[in-house]
Amino acid sequence: ALPIFGNLAGSDPYGTMSQLCLILVYLAAGQLVTASVGYACLEPTSVKVAQLWREKYLTAVLRQDIGWFDVNKGGGILAKMSEDTSMIQRGTGIQVGLFLMNAVSAVGALILAFSWAGYWNVALICLSVVPLMVLASGLMLAANDRMSKYETKAFAQAGSISSEAITAIRTVQATNSQPDFLARFREALKPAERASLTKVVVRSEERRVG
């Protein structure tokens, strides 16, 4: 048993157990308070950051020349802006709090393992595996980022096709071009489907490593 539980076999095991339970209750209450405050502060901030990014993005789009819109269709621009702002909002919201919480937990666990618990040799052996875990997580994050780019590009292309069809809906109906647009739309979404499936596999493997 660890030294922190060594007193359980003493003269008053129930008192020691009660003291340890109170410590755990206090830690859980503190984590609940800090997590609630962090969520209340980070979520509104992420919404404001995403809204500011949308305004800057739209301002930059309106400054472009006419020829730029011949290459970048309106539907693709909107789809890409929506996807990018969603990623920014997720990255600047509760994910920041989770990262800080995990970082503090890791540092605290290392301090306890090397200084208080007394099993520094076991902690050192476990710490030797951390670089491999970090390398695996880095490779998975790189693959996830690459698939996200493919997914965003495919959604932008599919959005431009749908926008083109809706804008000229009278012409589409008059020429009976609905099957053609539908086939193009499905073909444009195939890379996004493959990228999404790859992301699911990568995330499941990342949870195993974590």
Protein backbone atom coordinates (compact mmCIF):
# COMPACT_ATOMS: atom_id res chain seq x y z
CA ALA A 1 0.00 0.00 0.00
CA LEU A 2 1.09 3.60 -0.55
CA PRO A 3 2.37 5.54 2.49
CA ILE A 4 -0.68 7.79 2.39
CA PHE A 5 -2.78 4.76 3.32
CA GLY A 6 -0.27 3.33 5.75
CA ASN A 7 -2.09 4.59 8.83
CA LEU A 8 -5.21 2.57 8.02
CA ALA A 9 -3.74 -0.39 9.88
CA GLY A 10 -3.11 1.73 12.99
CA SER A 11 -5.13 2.12 16.15
CA ASP A 12 -7.90 4.22 14.51
CA PRO A 13 -8.47 3.06 10.93
CA TYR A 14 -12.02 4.45 10.78
CA GLY A 15 -10.87 7.91 11.80
CA THR A 16 -8.12 7.86 9.20
CA MET A 17 -10.55 6.69 6.54
CA SER A 18 -13.00 9.44 7.47
CA GLN A 19 -10.25 12.02 7.21
CA LEU A 20 -9.23 10.76 3.76
CA CYS A 21 -12.87 10.77 2.60
CA LEU A 22 -13.23 14.38 3.74
CA ILE A 23 -10.11 15.33 1.81
CA LEU A 24 -11.54 13.72 -1.33
CA VAL A 25 -14.86 15.50 -0.80
CA TYR A 26 -13.11 18.86 -0.43
CA LEU A 27 -11.07 18.21 -3.59
CA ALA A 28 -14.20 17.26 -5.55
CA ALA A 29 -16.03 20.37 -4.31
CA GLY A 30 -13.09 22.57 -5.29
CA GLN A 31 -12.93 20.98 -8.74
CA LEU A 32 -16.68 21.51 -9.18
CA VAL A 33 -16.39 25.20 -8.31
CA THR A 34 -13.34 25.85 -10.49
CA ALA A 35 -14.84 23.92 -13.43
CA SER A 36 -18.11 25.86 -13.17
CA VAL A 37 -16.32 29.21 -13.02
CA GLY A 38 -14.07 28.24 -15.92
CA TYR A 39 -17.01 27.15 -18.06
CA ALA A 40 -18.93 30.34 -17.25
CA CYS A 41 -15.94 32.47 -18.24
CA LEU A 42 -14.61 30.55 -21.25
CA GLU A 43 -17.82 29.80 -23.14
CA PRO A 44 -18.96 33.46 -23.53
CA THR A 45 -15.40 34.36 -24.47
CA SER A 46 -15.31 31.71 -27.19
CA VAL A 47 -18.63 32.98 -28.60
CA LYS A 48 -17.28 36.55 -28.72
CA VAL A 49 -14.03 35.41 -30.37
CA ALA A 50 -15.97 33.45 -33.01
CA GLN A 51 -18.24 36.43 -33.68
CA LEU A 52 -15.25 38.76 -34.03
CA TRP A 53 -13.64 36.28 -36.42
CA ARG A 54 -16.82 36.20 -38.54
CA GLU A 55 -16.81 39.98 -38.80
CA LYS A 56 -13.14 40.08 -39.77
CA TYR A 57 -13.66 37.27 -42.30
CA LEU A 58 -16.62 39.02 -43.92
CA THR A 59 -14.71 42.30 -44.05
CA ALA A 60 -11.78 40.56 -45.76
CA VAL A 61 -14.12 38.87 -48.27
CA LEU A 62 -15.83 42.14 -49.20
CA ARG A 63 -12.45 43.72 -49.94
CA GLN A 64 -11.61 41.17 -52.64
CA ASP A 65 -11.68 41.92 -56.36
CA ILE A 66 -14.45 40.69 -58.63
CA GLY A 67 -12.21 38.06 -60.19
CA TRP A 68 -11.71 36.45 -56.79
CA PHE A 69 -15.40 35.57 -56.61
CA ASP A 70 -15.18 33.76 -59.96
CA VAL A 71 -12.86 31.23 -58.31
CA ASN A 72 -14.42 31.21 -54.84
CA LYS A 73 -18.17 30.69 -54.95
CA GLY A 74 -20.51 32.18 -52.36
CA GLY A 75 -21.71 28.86 -50.98
CA GLY A 76 -18.16 27.60 -50.52
CA ILE A 77 -17.17 30.78 -48.70
CA LEU A 78 -20.09 30.48 -46.28
CA ALA A 79 -19.45 26.79 -45.63
CA LYS A 80 -15.76 27.39 -44.97
CA MET A 81 -16.49 30.35 -42.70
CA SER A 82 -19.02 28.32 -40.71
CA GLU A 83 -16.63 25.39 -40.29
CA ASP A 84 -13.67 27.58 -39.33
CA THR A 85 -15.65 29.60 -36.80
CA SER A 86 -16.96 26.40 -35.23
CA MET A 87 -13.41 25.12 -34.84
CA ILE A 88 -12.27 28.44 -33.35
CA GLN A 89 -15.18 28.46 -30.91
CA ARG A 90 -14.44 24.89 -29.82
CA GLY A 91 -10.74 25.60 -29.48
CA THR A 92 -11.12 28.76 -27.40
CA GLY A 93 -13.95 27.51 -25.19
CA ILE A 94 -14.10 24.72 -22.65
CA GLN A 95 -11.18 22.94 -24.36
CA VAL A 96 -8.82 25.54 -22.89
CA GLY A 97 -10.14 24.79 -19.41
CA LEU A 98 -9.79 21.04 -19.97
CA PHE A 99 -6.22 21.51 -21.16
CA LEU A 100 -5.31 23.57 -18.09
CA MET A 101 -7.01 21.09 -15.76
CA ASN A 102 -5.18 18.14 -17.32
CA ALA A 103 -1.87 19.99 -17.25
CA VAL A 104 -2.25 20.89 -13.57
CA SER A 105 -3.30 17.30 -12.77
CA ALA A 106 -0.25 15.91 -14.57
CA VAL A 107 2.16 18.28 -12.83
CA GLY A 108 0.55 17.64 -9.45
CA ALA A 109 0.71 13.87 -9.97
CA LEU A 110 4.42 14.08 -10.81
CA ILE A 111 5.13 16.19 -7.73
CA LEU A 112 3.27 13.75 -5.49
CA ALA A 113 4.89 10.73 -7.09
CA PHE A 114 8.46 12.01 -6.72
CA SER A 115 8.24 13.80 -3.38
CA TRP A 116 5.37 12.56 -1.21
CA ALA A 117 4.37 9.05 -2.15
CA GLY A 118 7.90 7.67 -1.77
CA TYR A 119 7.84 5.48 -4.88
CA TRP A 120 9.98 7.74 -7.07
CA ASN A 121 11.58 4.75 -8.83
CA VAL A 122 8.19 3.42 -9.96
CA ALA A 123 7.15 6.93 -11.02
CA LEU A 124 10.37 7.27 -13.03
CA ILE A 125 9.66 4.01 -14.87
CA CYS A 126 6.13 5.16 -15.68
CA LEU A 127 7.46 8.56 -16.78
CA SER A 128 9.71 6.90 -19.36
CA VAL A 129 6.62 5.91 -21.36
CA VAL A 130 5.32 9.50 -21.55
CA PRO A 131 7.44 10.52 -24.62
CA LEU A 132 5.97 7.63 -26.61
CA MET A 133 2.45 8.66 -25.61
CA VAL A 134 3.18 12.28 -26.57
CA LEU A 135 4.58 11.18 -29.94
CA ALA A 136 1.53 9.00 -30.64
CA SER A 137 -0.83 11.81 -29.64
CA GLY A 138 1.06 14.25 -31.87
CA LEU A 139 0.77 11.94 -34.87
CA MET A 140 -2.94 11.46 -34.24
CA LEU A 141 -3.50 15.21 -33.92
CA ALA A 142 -1.62 15.80 -37.19
CA ALA A 143 -3.76 13.20 -38.95
CA ASN A 144 -6.91 14.71 -37.46
CA ASP A 145 -5.92 18.20 -38.61
CA ARG A 146 -5.21 16.92 -42.11
CA MET A 147 -8.60 15.20 -42.31
CA SER A 148 -10.30 18.36 -41.03
CA LYS A 149 -8.78 20.34 -43.90
CA TYR A 150 -10.03 17.79 -46.43
CA GLU A 151 -13.45 17.86 -44.79
CA THR A 152 -13.66 21.66 -44.86
CA LYS A 153 -12.59 21.78 -48.50
CA ALA A 154 -15.19 19.16 -49.48
CA PHE A 155 -17.96 20.96 -47.57
CA ALA A 156 -17.01 24.23 -49.25
CA GLN A 157 -17.23 22.64 -52.70
CA ALA A 158 -20.56 21.01 -51.89
CA GLY A 159 -21.85 24.30 -50.50
CA SER A 160 -20.93 26.14 -53.69
CA ILE A 161 -22.82 23.53 -55.75
CA SER A 162 -25.94 23.81 -53.60
CA SER A 163 -25.75 27.60 -53.64
CA GLU A 164 -25.44 27.58 -57.42
CA ALA A 165 -28.48 25.31 -57.74
CA ILE A 166 -30.64 27.33 -55.34
CA THR A 167 -29.66 30.65 -56.90
CA ALA A 168 -30.67 29.47 -60.38
CA ILE A 169 -33.51 27.22 -59.26
CA ARG A 170 -35.83 28.37 -62.08
CA THR A 171 -33.24 27.47 -64.71
CA VAL A 172 -32.51 24.16 -62.98
CA GLN A 173 -36.18 23.21 -63.02
CA ALA A 174 -36.66 24.40 -66.59
CA THR A 175 -33.76 22.33 -67.90
CA ASN A 176 -34.50 19.37 -65.58
CA SER A 177 -30.97 19.52 -64.17
CA GLN A 178 -31.85 18.35 -60.66
CA PRO A 179 -30.27 14.87 -61.10
CA ASP A 180 -27.06 16.41 -62.41
CA PHE A 181 -26.73 18.82 -59.46
CA LEU A 182 -27.61 16.06 -57.02
CA ALA A 183 -24.95 13.76 -58.48
CA ARG A 184 -22.35 16.54 -58.32
CA PHE A 185 -23.37 17.31 -54.73
CA ARG A 186 -23.03 13.67 -53.66
CA GLU A 187 -19.68 13.36 -55.43
CA ALA A 188 -18.40 16.48 -53.67
CA LEU A 189 -19.40 15.07 -50.27
CA LYS A 190 -17.54 11.77 -50.71
CA PRO A 191 -14.14 13.16 -49.59
CA ALA A 192 -15.83 14.67 -46.53
CA GLU A 193 -17.38 11.31 -45.69
CA ARG A 194 -14.04 9.54 -45.95
CA ALA A 195 -12.34 12.24 -43.89
CA SER A 196 -15.03 12.04 -41.20
CA LEU A 197 -14.69 8.26 -40.95
CA THR A 198 -10.92 8.61 -40.66
CA LYS A 199 -11.35 11.20 -37.91
CA VAL A 200 -13.61 8.84 -35.98
CA VAL A 201 -10.98 6.09 -36.14
CA VAL A 202 -8.20 8.49 -35.12
CA ARG A 203 -10.20 9.83 -32.17
CA SER A 204 -11.02 6.34 -30.95
CA GLU A 205 -7.34 5.41 -31.06
CA GLU A 206 -6.47 8.67 -29.33
CA ARG A 207 -8.81 7.81 -26.47
CA ARG A 208 -7.10 4.43 -26.14
CA VAL A 209 -3.69 6.07 -25.96
CA GLY A 210 -4.99 8.66 -23.51
